[in-house]
Amino acid sequence: MSNLQTLHKVVDLATRRRDDALTALGQAQRELQAAQAQMNQLRNYADEALQRWAQRSTTGGVDANLLHHHRQFMEKITHAIEFQQAVQRSREEVVERVQAQVYAAERDVAGLRKYAERKQQAIEHRAMRQEQKATDEMALTIHLRQALSAAHGARS
């Protein structure tokens, strides 16, 4: 296997690694969106519960038992929101980390492709120089033969 073929295989591997990182990024972004949606649901639910409580408290009396249950419920919702905030932060960190991996993989692919392109150009340039050298040598040989032939013809 030539060096250029090996280099193309390395570029292919780097491209696959980049594609895998992009797939992981997509998954991490979907998980973050799901965490954000869950957070929105919890906040909306808490807001609705507070609105219902405000309406209930203005329309009539509230006994101590009902107040106790409402406070327990709101504590549970608050705990769920705090937990979901931690989940969301974790998902954001994963997205940032995977995004950095995608950027690094993109740089690797771009650098390897550029290097492979320069190598290919160098090979093509060497081949053109060799072809030009062969053409020059053939022209010189033809010219020398013609000169010898002319010199022999002039003697005879």
N, C-alpha and C. Protein backbone atom coordinates (compact mmCIF):
# COMPACT_ATOMS: atom_id res chain seq x y z
N MET A 1 0.85 -1.18 0.00
CA MET A 1 0.00 0.00 0.00
C MET A 1 0.89 1.24 0.00
N SER A 2 0.60 2.19 -0.85
CA SER A 2 1.43 3.39 -0.95
C SER A 2 1.13 4.34 0.23
N ASN A 3 2.04 5.27 0.41
CA ASN A 3 1.85 6.26 1.48
C ASN A 3 0.58 7.07 1.27
N LEU A 4 0.29 7.38 0.01
CA LEU A 4 -0.91 8.17 -0.29
C LEU A 4 -2.17 7.36 0.02
N GLN A 5 -2.15 6.06 -0.30
CA GLN A 5 -3.31 5.22 0.04
C GLN A 5 -3.49 5.15 1.55
N THR A 6 -2.39 5.01 2.27
CA THR A 6 -2.46 4.99 3.73
C THR A 6 -3.02 6.31 4.24
N LEU A 7 -2.57 7.40 3.67
CA LEU A 7 -3.06 8.71 4.07
C LEU A 7 -4.56 8.84 3.81
N HIS A 8 -5.03 8.34 2.67
CA HIS A 8 -6.47 8.39 2.37
C HIS A 8 -7.25 7.56 3.38
N LYS A 9 -6.70 6.44 3.81
CA LYS A 9 -7.36 5.63 4.83
C LYS A 9 -7.44 6.39 6.16
N VAL A 10 -6.37 7.10 6.49
CA VAL A 10 -6.37 7.91 7.71
C VAL A 10 -7.43 9.01 7.62
N VAL A 11 -7.54 9.64 6.46
CA VAL A 11 -8.57 10.67 6.25
C VAL A 11 -9.96 10.04 6.41
N ASP A 12 -10.16 8.85 5.84
CA ASP A 12 -11.45 8.17 5.98
C ASP A 12 -11.77 7.87 7.44
N LEU A 13 -10.77 7.41 8.19
CA LEU A 13 -10.99 7.13 9.61
C LEU A 13 -11.34 8.40 10.38
N ALA A 14 -10.64 9.48 10.08
CA ALA A 14 -10.91 10.76 10.74
C ALA A 14 -12.32 11.25 10.38
N THR A 15 -12.71 11.04 9.13
CA THR A 15 -14.06 11.43 8.70
C THR A 15 -15.11 10.62 9.44
N ARG A 16 -14.87 9.32 9.60
CA ARG A 16 -15.82 8.48 10.35
C ARG A 16 -15.89 8.92 11.81
N ARG A 17 -14.73 9.26 12.39
CA ARG A 17 -14.72 9.71 13.78
C ARG A 17 -15.51 11.02 13.90
N ARG A 18 -15.35 11.91 12.92
CA ARG A 18 -16.11 13.16 12.92
C ARG A 18 -17.60 12.88 12.79
N ASP A 19 -17.96 11.97 11.88
CA ASP A 19 -19.37 11.61 11.70
C ASP A 19 -19.97 11.00 12.96
N ASP A 20 -19.18 10.17 13.65
CA ASP A 20 -19.64 9.59 14.92
C ASP A 20 -19.85 10.69 15.96
N ALA A 21 -18.95 11.66 15.99
CA ALA A 21 -19.08 12.78 16.92
C ALA A 21 -20.33 13.60 16.60
N LEU A 22 -20.61 13.78 15.31
CA LEU A 22 -21.82 14.51 14.92
C LEU A 22 -23.08 13.75 15.34
N THR A 23 -23.05 12.43 15.21
CA THR A 23 -24.18 11.61 15.65
C THR A 23 -24.36 11.74 17.16
N ALA A 24 -23.25 11.68 17.90
CA ALA A 24 -23.32 11.82 19.36
C ALA A 24 -23.83 13.21 19.74
N LEU A 25 -23.42 14.22 18.98
CA LEU A 25 -23.89 15.59 19.25
C LEU A 25 -25.41 15.67 19.04
N GLY A 26 -25.88 15.08 17.97
CA GLY A 26 -27.32 15.09 17.72
C GLY A 26 -28.09 14.43 18.85
N GLN A 27 -27.58 13.30 19.33
CA GLN A 27 -28.21 12.59 20.45
C GLN A 27 -28.19 13.45 21.71
N ALA A 28 -27.04 14.07 21.99
CA ALA A 28 -26.92 14.91 23.19
C ALA A 28 -27.86 16.11 23.10
N GLN A 29 -28.00 16.68 21.91
CA GLN A 29 -28.91 17.82 21.74
C GLN A 29 -30.37 17.40 21.93
N ARG A 30 -30.71 16.20 21.45
CA ARG A 30 -32.08 15.71 21.66
C ARG A 30 -32.35 15.48 23.14
N GLU A 31 -31.36 14.93 23.84
CA GLU A 31 -31.52 14.71 25.28
C GLU A 31 -31.65 16.04 26.03
N LEU A 32 -30.90 17.05 25.61
CA LEU A 32 -31.01 18.38 26.22
C LEU A 32 -32.40 18.95 25.95
N GLN A 33 -32.88 18.82 24.72
CA GLN A 33 -34.21 19.33 24.40
C GLN A 33 -35.30 18.64 25.23
N ALA A 34 -35.13 17.34 25.44
CA ALA A 34 -36.09 16.60 26.27
C ALA A 34 -36.04 17.11 27.71
N ALA A 35 -34.84 17.36 28.22
CA ALA A 35 -34.70 17.89 29.58
C ALA A 35 -35.32 19.28 29.69
N GLN A 36 -35.13 20.09 28.66
CA GLN A 36 -35.73 21.44 28.66
C GLN A 36 -37.25 21.36 28.60
N ALA A 37 -37.76 20.44 27.79
CA ALA A 37 -39.21 20.26 27.70
C ALA A 37 -39.78 19.82 29.05
N GLN A 38 -39.07 18.90 29.71
CA GLN A 38 -39.50 18.43 31.03
C GLN A 38 -39.51 19.60 32.02
N MET A 39 -38.46 20.43 31.95
CA MET A 39 -38.39 21.59 32.84
C MET A 39 -39.56 22.53 32.58
N ASN A 40 -39.86 22.78 31.33
CA ASN A 40 -40.99 23.65 30.98
C ASN A 40 -42.30 23.08 31.51
N GLN A 41 -42.47 21.77 31.39
CA GLN A 41 -43.67 21.13 31.91
C GLN A 41 -43.79 21.32 33.41
N LEU A 42 -42.69 21.08 34.12
CA LEU A 42 -42.71 21.23 35.57
C LEU A 42 -43.03 22.67 35.98
N ARG A 43 -42.42 23.63 35.32
CA ARG A 43 -42.68 25.04 35.66
C ARG A 43 -44.12 25.43 35.35
N ASN A 44 -44.61 24.98 34.19
CA ASN A 44 -46.01 25.26 33.86
C ASN A 44 -46.95 24.64 34.89
N TYR A 45 -46.65 23.42 35.29
CA TYR A 45 -47.46 22.73 36.28
C TYR A 45 -47.44 23.47 37.61
N ALA A 46 -46.27 23.93 38.02
CA ALA A 46 -46.15 24.69 39.27
C ALA A 46 -46.92 26.01 39.17
N ASP A 47 -46.80 26.69 38.03
CA ASP A 47 -47.53 27.95 37.83
C ASP A 47 -49.03 27.73 37.89
N GLU A 48 -49.50 26.68 37.24
CA GLU A 48 -50.94 26.37 37.26
C GLU A 48 -51.41 26.05 38.68
N ALA A 49 -50.59 25.31 39.42
CA ALA A 49 -50.96 24.97 40.81
C ALA A 49 -51.04 26.23 41.66
N LEU A 50 -50.11 27.15 41.46
CA LEU A 50 -50.14 28.41 42.21
C LEU A 50 -51.36 29.25 41.84
N GLN A 51 -51.70 29.27 40.55
CA GLN A 51 -52.89 30.01 40.11
C GLN A 51 -54.16 29.41 40.71
N ARG A 52 -54.25 28.08 40.70
CA ARG A 52 -55.43 27.42 41.29
C ARG A 52 -55.50 27.72 42.79
N TRP A 53 -54.35 27.71 43.44
CA TRP A 53 -54.33 28.00 44.88
C TRP A 53 -54.77 29.44 45.13
N ALA A 54 -54.29 30.37 44.31
CA ALA A 54 -54.66 31.77 44.48
C ALA A 54 -56.16 31.94 44.28
N GLN A 55 -56.73 31.29 43.27
CA GLN A 55 -58.18 31.38 43.04
C GLN A 55 -58.95 30.77 44.21
N ARG A 56 -58.51 29.63 44.68
CA ARG A 56 -59.19 28.94 45.78
C ARG A 56 -59.14 29.78 47.05
N SER A 57 -58.00 30.40 47.31
CA SER A 57 -57.85 31.16 48.54
C SER A 57 -58.66 32.45 48.52
N THR A 58 -58.94 33.01 47.33
CA THR A 58 -59.73 34.24 47.25
C THR A 58 -61.23 33.97 47.27
N THR A 59 -61.64 32.79 46.83
CA THR A 59 -63.09 32.50 46.75
C THR A 59 -63.65 31.96 48.06
N GLY A 60 -62.83 31.47 48.91
CA GLY A 60 -63.37 30.92 50.15
C GLY A 60 -62.27 30.66 51.14
N GLY A 61 -62.63 30.18 52.25
CA GLY A 61 -61.65 29.91 53.29
C GLY A 61 -60.84 28.66 52.97
N VAL A 62 -59.67 28.61 53.53
CA VAL A 62 -58.77 27.49 53.34
C VAL A 62 -58.46 26.92 54.72
N ASP A 63 -58.74 25.64 54.87
CA ASP A 63 -58.45 25.05 56.18
C ASP A 63 -56.98 24.66 56.28
N ALA A 64 -56.54 24.37 57.49
CA ALA A 64 -55.14 24.08 57.77
C ALA A 64 -54.68 22.81 57.05
N ASN A 65 -55.55 21.82 56.97
CA ASN A 65 -55.21 20.56 56.30
C ASN A 65 -54.92 20.79 54.81
N LEU A 66 -55.78 21.57 54.17
CA LEU A 66 -55.60 21.87 52.74
C LEU A 66 -54.32 22.68 52.53
N LEU A 67 -54.05 23.63 53.41
CA LEU A 67 -52.82 24.43 53.32
C LEU A 67 -51.59 23.53 53.47
N HIS A 68 -51.64 22.60 54.39
CA HIS A 68 -50.54 21.66 54.62
C HIS A 68 -50.28 20.83 53.36
N HIS A 69 -51.33 20.29 52.74
CA HIS A 69 -51.20 19.48 51.53
C HIS A 69 -50.64 20.33 50.37
N HIS A 70 -51.10 21.57 50.27
CA HIS A 70 -50.61 22.46 49.20
C HIS A 70 -49.11 22.71 49.39
N ARG A 71 -48.68 22.97 50.62
CA ARG A 71 -47.25 23.23 50.87
C ARG A 71 -46.42 21.99 50.56
N GLN A 72 -46.89 20.82 50.95
CA GLN A 72 -46.16 19.58 50.63
C GLN A 72 -46.06 19.38 49.12
N PHE A 73 -47.16 19.64 48.44
CA PHE A 73 -47.19 19.50 46.99
C PHE A 73 -46.19 20.46 46.34
N MET A 74 -46.19 21.72 46.79
CA MET A 74 -45.29 22.72 46.21
C MET A 74 -43.83 22.39 46.53
N GLU A 75 -43.56 21.80 47.69
CA GLU A 75 -42.20 21.37 48.03
C GLU A 75 -41.76 20.26 47.08
N LYS A 76 -42.64 19.35 46.78
CA LYS A 76 -42.30 18.26 45.85
C LYS A 76 -42.04 18.81 44.46
N ILE A 77 -42.88 19.73 44.03
CA ILE A 77 -42.68 20.35 42.70
C ILE A 77 -41.35 21.11 42.68
N THR A 78 -41.07 21.86 43.73
CA THR A 78 -39.82 22.61 43.81
C THR A 78 -38.62 21.67 43.77
N HIS A 79 -38.71 20.57 44.51
CA HIS A 79 -37.64 19.57 44.49
C HIS A 79 -37.47 18.99 43.07
N ALA A 80 -38.59 18.68 42.41
CA ALA A 80 -38.54 18.14 41.05
C ALA A 80 -37.90 19.15 40.10
N ILE A 81 -38.22 20.42 40.26
CA ILE A 81 -37.64 21.47 39.40
C ILE A 81 -36.14 21.58 39.64
N GLU A 82 -35.72 21.54 40.90
CA GLU A 82 -34.30 21.61 41.22
C GLU A 82 -33.56 20.41 40.63
N PHE A 83 -34.16 19.24 40.76
CA PHE A 83 -33.56 18.04 40.19
C PHE A 83 -33.44 18.18 38.67
N GLN A 84 -34.51 18.67 38.04
CA GLN A 84 -34.51 18.81 36.59
C GLN A 84 -33.51 19.87 36.14
N GLN A 85 -33.30 20.89 36.95
CA GLN A 85 -32.27 21.89 36.62
C GLN A 85 -30.89 21.24 36.60
N ALA A 86 -30.64 20.35 37.55
CA ALA A 86 -29.35 19.64 37.58
C ALA A 86 -29.22 18.74 36.34
N VAL A 87 -30.31 18.07 35.97
CA VAL A 87 -30.29 17.23 34.77
C VAL A 87 -30.01 18.09 33.54
N GLN A 88 -30.68 19.22 33.47
CA GLN A 88 -30.51 20.10 32.31
C GLN A 88 -29.06 20.62 32.24
N ARG A 89 -28.49 21.02 33.38
CA ARG A 89 -27.09 21.48 33.37
C ARG A 89 -26.16 20.36 32.92
N SER A 90 -26.44 19.16 33.38
CA SER A 90 -25.62 18.01 32.98
C SER A 90 -25.71 17.80 31.47
N ARG A 91 -26.91 17.87 30.93
CA ARG A 91 -27.10 17.70 29.48
C ARG A 91 -26.40 18.81 28.70
N GLU A 92 -26.43 20.03 29.24
CA GLU A 92 -25.75 21.15 28.57
C GLU A 92 -24.24 20.92 28.55
N GLU A 93 -23.70 20.39 29.65
CA GLU A 93 -22.27 20.10 29.70
C GLU A 93 -21.89 19.01 28.70
N VAL A 94 -22.76 18.01 28.57
CA VAL A 94 -22.50 16.94 27.60
C VAL A 94 -22.49 17.52 26.18
N VAL A 95 -23.47 18.37 25.89
CA VAL A 95 -23.53 19.00 24.56
C VAL A 95 -22.26 19.80 24.30
N GLU A 96 -21.82 20.57 25.29
CA GLU A 96 -20.61 21.38 25.11
C GLU A 96 -19.39 20.49 24.87
N ARG A 97 -19.28 19.41 25.64
CA ARG A 97 -18.13 18.50 25.51
C ARG A 97 -18.14 17.81 24.13
N VAL A 98 -19.31 17.35 23.71
CA VAL A 98 -19.40 16.67 22.41
C VAL A 98 -19.19 17.67 21.27
N GLN A 99 -19.68 18.91 21.47
CA GLN A 99 -19.46 19.95 20.46
C GLN A 99 -17.96 20.20 20.28
N ALA A 100 -17.22 20.21 21.39
CA ALA A 100 -15.77 20.39 21.32
C ALA A 100 -15.13 19.22 20.58
N GLN A 101 -15.64 18.02 20.79
CA GLN A 101 -15.12 16.84 20.07
C GLN A 101 -15.40 16.97 18.57
N VAL A 102 -16.58 17.48 18.23
CA VAL A 102 -16.91 17.68 16.81
C VAL A 102 -15.95 18.70 16.19
N TYR A 103 -15.71 19.81 16.89
CA TYR A 103 -14.79 20.82 16.36
C TYR A 103 -13.40 20.24 16.16
N ALA A 104 -12.93 19.47 17.14
CA ALA A 104 -11.60 18.86 17.04
C ALA A 104 -11.55 17.88 15.87
N ALA A 105 -12.60 17.09 15.71
CA ALA A 105 -12.65 16.12 14.61
C ALA A 105 -12.70 16.85 13.26
N GLU A 106 -13.45 17.94 13.20
CA GLU A 106 -13.51 18.74 11.96
C GLU A 106 -12.13 19.30 11.61
N ARG A 107 -11.43 19.81 12.62
CA ARG A 107 -10.07 20.33 12.39
C ARG A 107 -9.16 19.22 11.89
N ASP A 108 -9.27 18.03 12.51
CA ASP A 108 -8.44 16.90 12.10
C ASP A 108 -8.71 16.53 10.65
N VAL A 109 -9.97 16.43 10.30
CA VAL A 109 -10.34 16.06 8.93
C VAL A 109 -9.83 17.10 7.95
N ALA A 110 -10.07 18.37 8.26
CA ALA A 110 -9.63 19.44 7.35
C ALA A 110 -8.11 19.43 7.20
N GLY A 111 -7.39 19.27 8.31
CA GLY A 111 -5.94 19.24 8.25
C GLY A 111 -5.41 18.05 7.46
N LEU A 112 -6.00 16.89 7.70
CA LEU A 112 -5.56 15.69 6.97
C LEU A 112 -5.88 15.80 5.48
N ARG A 113 -7.04 16.35 5.16
CA ARG A 113 -7.40 16.52 3.74
C ARG A 113 -6.43 17.48 3.06
N LYS A 114 -6.11 18.56 3.74
CA LYS A 114 -5.17 19.54 3.18
C LYS A 114 -3.80 18.89 2.98
N TYR A 115 -3.37 18.12 3.97
CA TYR A 115 -2.08 17.44 3.87
C TYR A 115 -2.09 16.44 2.71
N ALA A 116 -3.17 15.67 2.58
CA ALA A 116 -3.29 14.69 1.50
C ALA A 116 -3.30 15.41 0.14
N GLU A 117 -3.97 16.54 0.09
CA GLU A 117 -4.01 17.31 -1.16
C GLU A 117 -2.61 17.80 -1.54
N ARG A 118 -1.86 18.30 -0.55
CA ARG A 118 -0.49 18.76 -0.83
C ARG A 118 0.39 17.60 -1.27
N LYS A 119 0.24 16.44 -0.63
CA LYS A 119 1.01 15.26 -1.02
C LYS A 119 0.67 14.88 -2.46
N GLN A 120 -0.62 14.87 -2.80
CA GLN A 120 -1.05 14.51 -4.16
C GLN A 120 -0.47 15.51 -5.16
N GLN A 121 -0.51 16.78 -4.83
CA GLN A 121 0.05 17.80 -5.72
C GLN A 121 1.56 17.61 -5.89
N ALA A 122 2.24 17.26 -4.81
CA ALA A 122 3.69 17.03 -4.90
C ALA A 122 3.98 15.84 -5.80
N ILE A 123 3.20 14.77 -5.70
CA ILE A 123 3.38 13.60 -6.55
C ILE A 123 3.14 13.97 -8.01
N GLU A 124 2.07 14.72 -8.25
CA GLU A 124 1.76 15.13 -9.62
C GLU A 124 2.85 16.05 -10.17
N HIS A 125 3.36 16.94 -9.32
CA HIS A 125 4.43 17.85 -9.76
C HIS A 125 5.69 17.06 -10.11
N ARG A 126 6.04 16.07 -9.26
CA ARG A 126 7.21 15.22 -9.55
C ARG A 126 7.01 14.46 -10.86
N ALA A 127 5.82 13.94 -11.08
CA ALA A 127 5.54 13.20 -12.32
C ALA A 127 5.66 14.12 -13.53
N MET A 128 5.16 15.36 -13.40
CA MET A 128 5.27 16.30 -14.52
C MET A 128 6.74 16.64 -14.80
N ARG A 129 7.53 16.82 -13.73
CA ARG A 129 8.96 17.11 -13.92
C ARG A 129 9.66 15.94 -14.59
N GLN A 130 9.34 14.71 -14.16
CA GLN A 130 9.95 13.53 -14.78
C GLN A 130 9.54 13.42 -16.24
N GLU A 131 8.28 13.70 -16.53
CA GLU A 131 7.81 13.64 -17.91
C GLU A 131 8.51 14.71 -18.76
N GLN A 132 8.64 15.90 -18.18
CA GLN A 132 9.33 16.98 -18.90
C GLN A 132 10.79 16.61 -19.14
N LYS A 133 11.44 16.00 -18.14
CA LYS A 133 12.83 15.59 -18.29
C LYS A 133 12.96 14.54 -19.39
N ALA A 134 12.02 13.58 -19.40
CA ALA A 134 12.05 12.54 -20.44
C ALA A 134 11.85 13.16 -21.82
N THR A 135 10.92 14.11 -21.90
CA THR A 135 10.66 14.78 -23.18
C THR A 135 11.90 15.58 -23.62
N ASP A 136 12.52 16.28 -22.70
CA ASP A 136 13.73 17.05 -23.02
C ASP A 136 14.85 16.13 -23.49
N GLU A 137 15.03 14.99 -22.81
CA GLU A 137 16.08 14.03 -23.20
C GLU A 137 15.80 13.45 -24.58
N MET A 138 14.52 13.15 -24.86
CA MET A 138 14.17 12.60 -26.17
C MET A 138 14.42 13.66 -27.25
N ALA A 139 14.07 14.90 -26.98
CA ALA A 139 14.31 15.98 -27.95
C ALA A 139 15.80 16.18 -28.19
N LEU A 140 16.58 16.09 -27.13
CA LEU A 140 18.02 16.23 -27.27
C LEU A 140 18.59 15.08 -28.10
N THR A 141 18.13 13.86 -27.83
CA THR A 141 18.60 12.69 -28.58
C THR A 141 18.26 12.85 -30.05
N ILE A 142 17.03 13.26 -30.35
CA ILE A 142 16.63 13.47 -31.75
C ILE A 142 17.49 14.55 -32.39
N HIS A 143 17.70 15.63 -31.69
CA HIS A 143 18.52 16.73 -32.22
C HIS A 143 19.95 16.25 -32.50
N LEU A 144 20.54 15.48 -31.57
CA LEU A 144 21.91 14.98 -31.76
C LEU A 144 21.98 14.03 -32.95
N ARG A 145 20.97 13.15 -33.09
CA ARG A 145 20.94 12.23 -34.24
C ARG A 145 20.86 13.00 -35.55
N GLN A 146 20.01 14.03 -35.54
CA GLN A 146 19.88 14.82 -36.77
C GLN A 146 21.19 15.55 -37.07
N ALA A 147 21.84 16.03 -36.04
CA ALA A 147 23.12 16.75 -36.23
C ALA A 147 24.19 15.78 -36.75
N LEU A 148 24.21 14.55 -36.18
CA LEU A 148 25.17 13.54 -36.65
C LEU A 148 24.87 13.16 -38.08
N SER A 149 23.62 12.98 -38.38
CA SER A 149 23.21 12.61 -39.71
C SER A 149 23.59 13.68 -40.71
N ALA A 150 23.38 14.93 -40.32
CA ALA A 150 23.74 16.05 -41.20
C ALA A 150 25.25 16.12 -41.37
N ALA A 151 25.99 15.83 -40.32
CA ALA A 151 27.45 15.87 -40.38
C ALA A 151 27.96 14.74 -41.28
N HIS A 152 27.35 13.56 -41.21
CA HIS A 152 27.75 12.44 -42.08
C HIS A 152 27.38 12.74 -43.54
N GLY A 153 26.27 13.38 -43.73
CA GLY A 153 25.84 13.70 -45.09
C GLY A 153 26.74 14.74 -45.72
N ALA A 154 27.27 15.65 -44.91
CA ALA A 154 28.14 16.70 -45.41
C ALA A 154 29.51 16.13 -45.76
N ARG A 155 29.97 15.04 -45.14
CA ARG A 155 31.26 14.42 -45.40
C ARG A 155 31.21 13.59 -46.69
N SER A 156 30.10 13.07 -46.94
CA SER A 156 30.06 12.15 -48.06
C SER A 156 29.99 12.83 -49.36
